[in-house]
Every structure is written in C-alpha cells, then in structure tokens.
C-alpha cells in the first residue's frame, strides 16, 4: 500500500513539474496577418497608419508593411473614425486587381512606383514592434500614405475612371 501511494505521489509531482515547465516555442503571432490601423490624417490628403508586414528578415518585413499599407488604401480602405469618405477604398471596381494585374505587379514590385506614395515622415524613433516565428519576422511600423497623390496617379494611369 505504501508503494502505491509513493508511486502516485511521485507521478503527481512529475506531472506538475512537466506541466509548469515553460517551453521555448516560437510565437505564432508572426504568422497572423494584421490590418493597418488608422492613426491620423492631415489636410494635405495623407494618412498616417500603423502597418504590419512579414518577411524573412526585418528589412523584408518593413518593406512588406509599406506595400500592405498602400494596398489596403487602394483596394480595402482603412477604417477612419468619423470620416466615412476616407474609409472607402480608392478603387471600387470589382476584380480590379486581376483586370490590371500587369500594372499592379509592376507597381508593387520591390522599388516600384508604390514607394512614391508612402514614407515614414511621421514615424517616431523606436516605434517598430517585432515578433519572430522561426522562419518569419513580423514588423509593425508607422507610415504615411499620400492618399490624394495616389488617387491622382491612378486616375492619370487610367485605373480609376470618373
């Protein structure tokens, strides 16, 4: 009887110790896609956003965050409190991304035309957040998308028709 109770006690202690042991797994946060968050708008037609991007290192993730910010302004819109006109996407046309695929592939290429419409002028130092998931790095950064200039450019290229 003593052996059985001793065995149960040892197994209970072992179970408690192994369940409380903190494993060093990588975070799954790096694989979750976040939408851009609205921070501010200015009277020159620009929007300051908190953008998220993923990549194999910090530089790739930061570049992807800038692309994601411009993409969301063009195709999805950004939720701007108390201003529904700025919340709307620039392109309403159904399947516009597929229809103008060649244009947007070149537009969003590394070093493409999208860089003319996004900058980090309103970014404060040390405002990047980073998470790492083994093979993926996720960065958040503050960017300014020049929405008015972007809209004029898309009209000039014949993507937006009015």
N, C-alpha and C. Protein backbone atom coordinates (compact mmCIF):
# COMPACT_ATOMS: atom_id res chain seq x y z
N UNK A 1 0.81 -1.19 0.00
CA UNK A 1 0.00 0.00 0.00
C UNK A 1 0.86 1.26 0.00
N UNK A 2 1.98 1.21 0.77
CA UNK A 2 2.88 2.34 0.80
C UNK A 2 3.51 2.58 -0.56
N UNK A 3 3.82 1.49 -1.25
CA UNK A 3 4.43 1.60 -2.58
C UNK A 3 3.48 2.29 -3.56
N UNK A 4 2.21 1.96 -3.53
CA UNK A 4 1.23 2.53 -4.44
C UNK A 4 1.07 4.03 -4.15
N UNK A 5 0.96 4.40 -2.89
CA UNK A 5 0.80 5.82 -2.56
C UNK A 5 2.07 6.59 -2.87
N UNK A 6 3.25 5.99 -2.68
CA UNK A 6 4.51 6.64 -3.04
C UNK A 6 4.61 6.81 -4.55
N UNK A 7 4.20 5.81 -5.30
CA UNK A 7 4.21 5.89 -6.77
C UNK A 7 3.26 6.98 -7.26
N UNK A 8 2.09 7.08 -6.67
CA UNK A 8 1.12 8.11 -7.06
C UNK A 8 1.67 9.50 -6.73
N UNK A 9 2.30 9.65 -5.60
CA UNK A 9 2.87 10.93 -5.20
C UNK A 9 3.99 11.35 -6.15
N UNK A 10 4.86 10.42 -6.50
CA UNK A 10 5.97 10.73 -7.42
C UNK A 10 5.44 11.09 -8.80
N UNK A 11 4.46 10.36 -9.28
CA UNK A 11 3.89 10.65 -10.59
C UNK A 11 3.16 11.99 -10.58
N UNK A 12 2.50 12.34 -9.51
CA UNK A 12 1.82 13.63 -9.40
C UNK A 12 2.81 14.77 -9.43
N UNK A 13 3.90 14.62 -8.69
CA UNK A 13 4.93 15.66 -8.68
C UNK A 13 5.56 15.80 -10.06
N UNK A 14 5.83 14.69 -10.71
CA UNK A 14 6.41 14.73 -12.06
C UNK A 14 5.45 15.39 -13.05
N UNK A 15 4.18 15.09 -12.94
CA UNK A 15 3.17 15.69 -13.81
C UNK A 15 3.08 17.19 -13.58
N UNK A 16 3.10 17.62 -12.34
CA UNK A 16 3.04 19.05 -12.02
C UNK A 16 4.26 19.77 -12.55
N UNK A 17 5.42 19.18 -12.36
CA UNK A 17 6.66 19.83 -12.81
C UNK A 17 6.73 19.92 -14.34
N UNK A 18 6.31 18.91 -15.05
CA UNK A 18 6.38 18.95 -16.52
C UNK A 18 5.31 19.87 -17.10
N UNK A 19 4.17 20.00 -16.44
CA UNK A 19 3.14 20.88 -16.98
C UNK A 19 3.47 22.34 -16.73
N UNK A 20 4.26 22.63 -15.73
CA UNK A 20 4.65 24.01 -15.43
C UNK A 20 5.92 24.43 -16.16
N UNK A 21 6.59 23.51 -16.79
CA UNK A 21 7.83 23.82 -17.47
C UNK A 21 7.53 24.68 -18.69
N UNK A 22 8.19 25.82 -18.80
CA UNK A 22 7.97 26.75 -19.92
C UNK A 22 8.81 26.30 -21.12
N UNK A 23 8.14 25.98 -22.18
CA UNK A 23 8.87 25.57 -23.39
C UNK A 23 9.29 26.81 -24.16
N UNK A 24 10.29 26.67 -24.99
CA UNK A 24 10.82 27.80 -25.74
C UNK A 24 10.33 27.71 -27.19
N UNK A 25 9.03 27.60 -27.37
CA UNK A 25 8.46 27.57 -28.71
C UNK A 25 8.46 28.97 -29.30
N UNK A 26 8.45 29.03 -30.62
CA UNK A 26 8.38 30.30 -31.30
C UNK A 26 6.93 30.78 -31.32
N UNK A 27 6.76 32.05 -31.30
CA UNK A 27 5.43 32.64 -31.29
C UNK A 27 4.73 32.41 -32.63
N UNK A 28 3.43 32.20 -32.57
CA UNK A 28 2.65 32.08 -33.81
C UNK A 28 2.15 33.43 -34.27
N UNK A 29 2.40 34.48 -33.49
CA UNK A 29 1.97 35.83 -33.85
C UNK A 29 2.58 36.28 -35.17
N UNK A 30 3.76 35.79 -35.50
CA UNK A 30 4.43 36.19 -36.73
C UNK A 30 3.70 35.70 -37.97
N UNK A 31 2.79 34.75 -37.83
CA UNK A 31 2.08 34.20 -38.97
C UNK A 31 0.66 34.76 -39.11
N UNK A 32 0.24 35.63 -38.20
CA UNK A 32 -1.09 36.21 -38.23
C UNK A 32 -1.03 37.53 -38.99
N UNK A 33 -1.92 37.71 -39.96
CA UNK A 33 -1.95 38.93 -40.75
C UNK A 33 -2.82 39.99 -40.08
N UNK A 34 -2.25 41.15 -39.84
CA UNK A 34 -2.98 42.25 -39.25
C UNK A 34 -3.37 43.25 -40.33
N UNK A 35 -4.48 43.92 -40.13
CA UNK A 35 -4.87 45.02 -41.00
C UNK A 35 -4.18 46.28 -40.50
N UNK A 36 -4.06 47.26 -41.37
CA UNK A 36 -3.48 48.54 -40.99
C UNK A 36 -4.42 49.25 -40.02
N UNK A 37 -3.83 49.98 -39.10
CA UNK A 37 -4.61 50.74 -38.12
C UNK A 37 -4.45 52.22 -38.41
N UNK A 38 -5.56 52.93 -38.39
CA UNK A 38 -5.56 54.36 -38.63
C UNK A 38 -5.00 55.09 -37.41
N UNK A 39 -4.09 56.04 -37.63
CA UNK A 39 -3.53 56.85 -36.55
C UNK A 39 -3.91 58.32 -36.68
N UNK A 40 -3.80 58.87 -37.91
CA UNK A 40 -4.02 60.30 -38.07
C UNK A 40 -4.24 60.61 -39.55
N UNK A 41 -4.88 61.73 -39.80
CA UNK A 41 -5.00 62.24 -41.16
C UNK A 41 -4.61 63.71 -41.14
N UNK A 42 -4.09 64.17 -42.27
CA UNK A 42 -3.69 65.57 -42.36
C UNK A 42 -4.46 66.23 -43.49
N UNK A 43 -4.45 67.55 -43.52
CA UNK A 43 -5.23 68.29 -44.50
C UNK A 43 -4.63 68.23 -45.90
N UNK A 44 -3.44 67.67 -46.06
CA UNK A 44 -2.83 67.55 -47.38
C UNK A 44 -3.25 66.26 -48.09
N UNK A 45 -4.17 65.49 -47.49
CA UNK A 45 -4.67 64.27 -48.11
C UNK A 45 -3.85 63.04 -47.77
N UNK A 46 -3.01 63.13 -46.75
CA UNK A 46 -2.21 61.96 -46.36
C UNK A 46 -2.79 61.33 -45.10
N UNK A 47 -2.52 60.05 -44.94
CA UNK A 47 -2.99 59.28 -43.79
C UNK A 47 -1.79 58.64 -43.10
N UNK A 48 -1.74 58.73 -41.80
CA UNK A 48 -0.71 58.05 -41.04
C UNK A 48 -1.31 56.76 -40.50
N UNK A 49 -0.64 55.64 -40.77
CA UNK A 49 -1.15 54.31 -40.42
C UNK A 49 -0.10 53.52 -39.68
N UNK A 50 -0.56 52.57 -38.90
CA UNK A 50 0.30 51.55 -38.31
C UNK A 50 0.15 50.34 -39.22
N UNK A 51 1.24 50.00 -39.94
CA UNK A 51 1.18 48.93 -40.93
C UNK A 51 2.00 47.73 -40.45
N UNK A 52 1.58 46.54 -40.86
CA UNK A 52 2.22 45.29 -40.47
C UNK A 52 2.72 44.58 -41.72
N UNK A 53 3.86 43.94 -41.60
CA UNK A 53 4.41 43.18 -42.71
C UNK A 53 5.18 41.98 -42.22
N UNK A 54 5.29 40.98 -43.08
CA UNK A 54 6.02 39.76 -42.77
C UNK A 54 7.12 39.56 -43.80
N UNK A 55 8.22 38.97 -43.35
CA UNK A 55 9.31 38.68 -44.27
C UNK A 55 10.34 37.80 -43.59
N UNK A 56 11.39 37.48 -44.33
CA UNK A 56 12.41 36.60 -43.76
C UNK A 56 13.37 37.34 -42.85
N UNK A 57 13.38 38.67 -42.93
CA UNK A 57 14.18 39.48 -42.02
C UNK A 57 13.48 40.83 -41.82
N UNK A 58 14.10 41.70 -41.01
CA UNK A 58 13.45 42.98 -40.68
C UNK A 58 13.24 43.86 -41.91
N UNK A 59 14.20 43.91 -42.80
CA UNK A 59 14.10 44.77 -43.98
C UNK A 59 12.95 44.31 -44.87
N UNK A 60 12.85 43.01 -45.12
CA UNK A 60 11.76 42.48 -45.94
C UNK A 60 10.41 42.73 -45.27
N UNK A 61 10.34 42.55 -43.97
CA UNK A 61 9.08 42.76 -43.25
C UNK A 61 8.67 44.24 -43.29
N UNK A 62 9.62 45.14 -43.14
CA UNK A 62 9.31 46.57 -43.18
C UNK A 62 8.85 46.99 -44.58
N UNK A 63 9.51 46.47 -45.61
CA UNK A 63 9.10 46.75 -46.99
C UNK A 63 7.70 46.23 -47.25
N UNK A 64 7.42 45.02 -46.78
CA UNK A 64 6.09 44.43 -46.96
C UNK A 64 5.03 45.23 -46.21
N UNK A 65 5.37 45.80 -45.06
CA UNK A 65 4.42 46.62 -44.31
C UNK A 65 4.04 47.86 -45.12
N UNK A 66 5.01 48.48 -45.78
CA UNK A 66 4.71 49.65 -46.62
C UNK A 66 3.81 49.26 -47.79
N UNK A 67 4.11 48.13 -48.42
CA UNK A 67 3.27 47.66 -49.52
C UNK A 67 1.85 47.37 -49.03
N UNK A 68 1.74 46.74 -47.87
CA UNK A 68 0.42 46.41 -47.32
C UNK A 68 -0.39 47.67 -47.03
N UNK A 69 0.26 48.73 -46.57
CA UNK A 69 -0.44 49.98 -46.29
C UNK A 69 -1.02 50.57 -47.57
N UNK A 70 -0.22 50.63 -48.62
CA UNK A 70 -0.70 51.18 -49.90
C UNK A 70 -1.78 50.28 -50.48
N UNK A 71 -1.58 48.96 -50.40
CA UNK A 71 -2.57 48.01 -50.91
C UNK A 71 -3.92 48.20 -50.21
N UNK A 72 -3.89 48.34 -48.90
CA UNK A 72 -5.15 48.48 -48.18
C UNK A 72 -5.84 49.79 -48.51
N UNK A 73 -5.11 50.87 -48.70
CA UNK A 73 -5.72 52.14 -49.08
C UNK A 73 -6.36 52.02 -50.46
N UNK A 74 -5.72 51.31 -51.38
CA UNK A 74 -6.25 51.19 -52.75
C UNK A 74 -7.44 50.24 -52.81
N UNK A 75 -7.33 49.05 -52.26
CA UNK A 75 -8.32 48.00 -52.50
C UNK A 75 -9.31 47.76 -51.37
N UNK A 76 -8.92 47.99 -50.12
CA UNK A 76 -9.79 47.63 -49.00
C UNK A 76 -10.31 48.82 -48.22
N UNK A 77 -9.57 49.88 -48.18
CA UNK A 77 -9.93 51.03 -47.36
C UNK A 77 -9.45 50.84 -45.93
N UNK A 78 -9.32 51.94 -45.22
CA UNK A 78 -8.87 51.93 -43.84
C UNK A 78 -9.98 52.53 -43.00
N UNK A 79 -10.30 51.90 -41.90
CA UNK A 79 -11.37 52.39 -41.04
C UNK A 79 -10.94 53.68 -40.36
N UNK A 80 -11.51 54.81 -40.83
CA UNK A 80 -11.23 56.12 -40.26
C UNK A 80 -12.45 56.54 -39.45
N UNK A 81 -12.31 56.65 -38.13
CA UNK A 81 -13.47 57.04 -37.32
C UNK A 81 -13.99 58.42 -37.70
N UNK A 82 -15.28 58.56 -37.78
CA UNK A 82 -15.97 59.83 -38.06
C UNK A 82 -15.66 60.42 -39.43
N UNK A 83 -15.16 59.62 -40.36
CA UNK A 83 -14.91 60.12 -41.72
C UNK A 83 -15.08 58.97 -42.71
N UNK A 84 -16.33 58.68 -43.08
CA UNK A 84 -16.57 57.55 -43.98
C UNK A 84 -15.99 57.75 -45.38
N UNK A 85 -15.80 58.98 -45.82
CA UNK A 85 -15.26 59.18 -47.17
C UNK A 85 -13.80 58.75 -47.25
N UNK A 86 -13.04 58.92 -46.17
CA UNK A 86 -11.65 58.45 -46.17
C UNK A 86 -11.56 56.96 -45.88
N UNK A 87 -12.62 56.37 -45.37
CA UNK A 87 -12.62 54.95 -45.06
C UNK A 87 -12.76 54.08 -46.30
N UNK A 88 -13.27 54.65 -47.37
CA UNK A 88 -13.53 53.89 -48.59
C UNK A 88 -12.23 53.60 -49.35
N UNK A 89 -12.20 52.48 -50.06
CA UNK A 89 -11.03 52.21 -50.91
C UNK A 89 -11.00 53.16 -52.10
N UNK A 90 -9.84 53.30 -52.72
CA UNK A 90 -9.73 54.17 -53.88
C UNK A 90 -10.37 53.54 -55.12
N UNK A 91 -10.32 52.21 -55.21
CA UNK A 91 -10.87 51.51 -56.37
C UNK A 91 -12.08 50.69 -55.93
N UNK A 92 -13.21 50.98 -56.54
CA UNK A 92 -14.45 50.26 -56.24
C UNK A 92 -14.71 49.13 -57.23
N UNK A 93 -14.08 49.18 -58.36
CA UNK A 93 -14.35 48.25 -59.45
C UNK A 93 -14.09 46.81 -59.00
N UNK A 94 -15.04 45.93 -59.32
CA UNK A 94 -14.89 44.52 -58.98
C UNK A 94 -13.75 43.91 -59.80
N UNK A 95 -12.95 43.11 -59.15
CA UNK A 95 -11.83 42.39 -59.78
C UNK A 95 -10.82 43.33 -60.44
N UNK A 96 -10.66 44.51 -59.92
CA UNK A 96 -9.71 45.48 -60.50
C UNK A 96 -8.28 44.97 -60.41
N UNK A 97 -7.96 44.29 -59.34
CA UNK A 97 -6.59 43.80 -59.20
C UNK A 97 -6.27 42.76 -60.28
N UNK A 98 -7.21 41.91 -60.61
CA UNK A 98 -7.00 40.93 -61.67
C UNK A 98 -7.03 41.59 -63.04
N UNK A 99 -7.92 42.55 -63.22
CA UNK A 99 -8.03 43.22 -64.51
C UNK A 99 -6.77 44.01 -64.87
N UNK A 100 -6.20 44.68 -63.90
CA UNK A 100 -5.00 45.48 -64.12
C UNK A 100 -3.78 44.81 -63.47
N UNK A 101 -3.71 43.50 -63.59
CA UNK A 101 -2.68 42.71 -62.92
C UNK A 101 -1.26 43.13 -63.32
N UNK A 102 -1.02 43.36 -64.58
CA UNK A 102 0.32 43.74 -65.03
C UNK A 102 0.73 45.08 -64.42
N UNK A 103 -0.20 46.03 -64.39
CA UNK A 103 0.10 47.34 -63.80
C UNK A 103 0.44 47.20 -62.32
N UNK A 104 -0.39 46.47 -61.56
CA UNK A 104 -0.17 46.37 -60.12
C UNK A 104 1.03 45.49 -59.78
N UNK A 105 1.35 44.50 -60.60
CA UNK A 105 2.57 43.72 -60.35
C UNK A 105 3.81 44.62 -60.44
N UNK A 106 3.84 45.48 -61.43
CA UNK A 106 4.97 46.41 -61.56
C UNK A 106 4.91 47.49 -60.48
N UNK A 107 3.71 47.94 -60.15
CA UNK A 107 3.52 48.99 -59.15
C UNK A 107 4.03 48.54 -57.78
N UNK A 108 3.72 47.29 -57.39
CA UNK A 108 4.10 46.78 -56.08
C UNK A 108 5.42 46.00 -56.08
N UNK A 109 6.14 45.99 -57.17
CA UNK A 109 7.44 45.31 -57.21
C UNK A 109 8.40 46.01 -56.25
N UNK A 110 9.46 45.31 -55.83
CA UNK A 110 10.46 45.92 -54.95
C UNK A 110 11.04 47.14 -55.64
N UNK A 111 10.95 48.29 -54.99
CA UNK A 111 11.42 49.54 -55.57
C UNK A 111 10.48 50.11 -56.60
N UNK A 112 9.24 49.61 -56.65
CA UNK A 112 8.26 50.05 -57.65
C UNK A 112 7.69 51.42 -57.33
N UNK A 113 6.69 51.80 -58.11
CA UNK A 113 6.08 53.12 -58.01
C UNK A 113 5.37 53.36 -56.67
N UNK A 114 5.01 52.30 -55.96
CA UNK A 114 4.32 52.49 -54.68
C UNK A 114 5.18 53.31 -53.71
N UNK A 115 6.49 53.27 -53.85
CA UNK A 115 7.39 53.97 -52.92
C UNK A 115 7.22 55.49 -53.00
N UNK A 116 6.67 56.00 -54.11
CA UNK A 116 6.44 57.44 -54.24
C UNK A 116 5.32 57.92 -53.33
N UNK A 117 4.46 57.01 -52.88
CA UNK A 117 3.25 57.40 -52.16
C UNK A 117 3.26 56.98 -50.69
N UNK A 118 4.35 56.43 -50.22
CA UNK A 118 4.46 56.01 -48.82
C UNK A 118 5.81 56.48 -48.27
N UNK A 119 5.77 57.02 -47.07
CA UNK A 119 7.01 57.45 -46.44
C UNK A 119 6.89 57.29 -44.94
N UNK A 120 7.94 57.61 -44.24
CA UNK A 120 7.93 57.47 -42.79
C UNK A 120 8.20 58.81 -42.10
N UNK A 121 7.68 59.89 -42.67
CA UNK A 121 7.96 61.21 -42.12
C UNK A 121 7.34 61.43 -40.74
N UNK A 122 6.24 60.77 -40.41
CA UNK A 122 5.59 60.93 -39.11
C UNK A 122 5.99 59.85 -38.12
N UNK A 123 6.98 59.04 -38.47
CA UNK A 123 7.40 57.94 -37.61
C UNK A 123 8.31 58.45 -36.51
N UNK A 124 8.03 58.05 -35.29
CA UNK A 124 8.91 58.36 -34.17
C UNK A 124 9.96 57.27 -34.05
N UNK A 125 11.08 57.60 -33.46
CA UNK A 125 12.12 56.61 -33.24
C UNK A 125 11.62 55.50 -32.32
N UNK A 126 12.08 54.30 -32.57
CA UNK A 126 11.77 53.13 -31.74
C UNK A 126 10.28 52.84 -31.64
N UNK A 127 9.54 52.99 -32.74
CA UNK A 127 8.12 52.65 -32.70
C UNK A 127 7.83 51.35 -33.46
N UNK A 128 8.86 50.65 -33.87
CA UNK A 128 8.65 49.36 -34.53
C UNK A 128 8.44 48.28 -33.48
N UNK A 129 7.55 47.36 -33.80
CA UNK A 129 7.37 46.18 -32.97
C UNK A 129 7.78 44.99 -33.82
N UNK A 130 8.35 43.98 -33.19
CA UNK A 130 8.85 42.83 -33.94
C UNK A 130 8.45 41.55 -33.22
N UNK A 131 8.05 40.55 -33.98
CA UNK A 131 7.87 39.21 -33.44
C UNK A 131 8.50 38.24 -34.44
N UNK A 132 8.99 37.14 -33.92
CA UNK A 132 9.72 36.19 -34.75
C UNK A 132 9.11 34.82 -34.59
N UNK A 133 8.85 34.18 -35.71
CA UNK A 133 8.25 32.85 -35.68
C UNK A 133 9.12 31.82 -36.36
N UNK A 134 10.40 31.78 -36.07
CA UNK A 134 11.29 30.80 -36.67
C UNK A 134 11.76 31.25 -38.03
N UNK A 135 10.93 31.05 -39.05
CA UNK A 135 11.30 31.44 -40.41
C UNK A 135 10.70 32.77 -40.83
N UNK A 136 9.81 33.32 -40.03
CA UNK A 136 9.12 34.57 -40.37
C UNK A 136 9.42 35.64 -39.33
N UNK A 137 9.62 36.85 -39.81
CA UNK A 137 9.72 38.01 -38.95
C UNK A 137 8.54 38.91 -39.27
N UNK A 138 7.90 39.41 -38.24
CA UNK A 138 6.77 40.31 -38.42
C UNK A 138 7.13 41.66 -37.81
N UNK A 139 6.93 42.72 -38.58
CA UNK A 139 7.24 44.07 -38.11
C UNK A 139 5.98 44.92 -38.20
N UNK A 140 5.86 45.83 -37.28
CA UNK A 140 4.85 46.88 -37.41
C UNK A 140 5.61 48.20 -37.42
N UNK A 141 5.19 49.09 -38.27
CA UNK A 141 5.85 50.37 -38.39
C UNK A 141 4.83 51.44 -38.71
N UNK A 142 5.17 52.67 -38.44
CA UNK A 142 4.29 53.80 -38.73
C UNK A 142 4.68 54.38 -40.08
N UNK A 143 3.71 54.48 -40.98
CA UNK A 143 3.95 55.02 -42.32
C UNK A 143 2.89 56.05 -42.65
N UNK A 144 3.23 56.94 -43.58
CA UNK A 144 2.28 57.92 -44.09
C UNK A 144 2.01 57.61 -45.55
N UNK A 145 0.75 57.38 -45.90
CA UNK A 145 0.35 57.13 -47.28
C UNK A 145 -0.26 58.41 -47.82
N UNK A 146 0.27 58.90 -48.90
CA UNK A 146 -0.23 60.12 -49.53
C UNK A 146 -1.41 59.75 -50.44
N UNK A 147 -2.57 59.67 -49.82
CA UNK A 147 -3.79 59.18 -50.47
C UNK A 147 -4.21 60.04 -51.65
N UNK A 148 -4.16 61.36 -51.51
CA UNK A 148 -4.61 62.26 -52.57
C UNK A 148 -3.70 62.13 -53.81
N UNK A 149 -2.38 62.09 -53.60
CA UNK A 149 -1.45 61.93 -54.72
C UNK A 149 -1.61 60.56 -55.37
N UNK A 150 -1.86 59.53 -54.56
CA UNK A 150 -2.06 58.18 -55.08
C UNK A 150 -3.32 58.12 -55.93
N UNK A 151 -4.39 58.76 -55.49
CA UNK A 151 -5.63 58.78 -56.26
C UNK A 151 -5.42 59.49 -57.60
N UNK A 152 -4.72 60.63 -57.59
CA UNK A 152 -4.44 61.36 -58.83
C UNK A 152 -3.59 60.52 -59.78
N UNK A 153 -2.63 59.79 -59.24
CA UNK A 153 -1.77 58.93 -60.07
C UNK A 153 -2.58 57.81 -60.72
N UNK A 154 -3.47 57.18 -59.95
CA UNK A 154 -4.29 56.10 -60.50
C UNK A 154 -5.25 56.62 -61.57
N UNK A 155 -5.75 57.84 -61.42
CA UNK A 155 -6.58 58.45 -62.47
C UNK A 155 -5.75 58.71 -63.71
N UNK A 156 -4.55 59.22 -63.51
CA UNK A 156 -3.65 59.52 -64.63
C UNK A 156 -3.29 58.26 -65.42
N UNK A 157 -3.17 57.14 -64.73
CA UNK A 157 -2.84 55.87 -65.38
C UNK A 157 -4.05 55.17 -65.98
N UNK A 158 -5.24 55.70 -65.75
CA UNK A 158 -6.46 55.11 -66.32
C UNK A 158 -7.02 53.97 -65.50
N UNK A 159 -6.56 53.81 -64.26
CA UNK A 159 -7.07 52.73 -63.41
C UNK A 159 -8.39 53.16 -62.77
N UNK A 160 -8.46 54.40 -62.31
CA UNK A 160 -9.70 54.96 -61.76
C UNK A 160 -10.33 55.82 -62.84
N UNK A 161 -11.60 55.56 -63.09
CA UNK A 161 -12.32 56.32 -64.11
C UNK A 161 -13.39 57.15 -63.42
N UNK A 162 -13.45 58.44 -63.77
CA UNK A 162 -14.52 59.28 -63.20
C UNK A 162 -15.26 59.99 -64.28
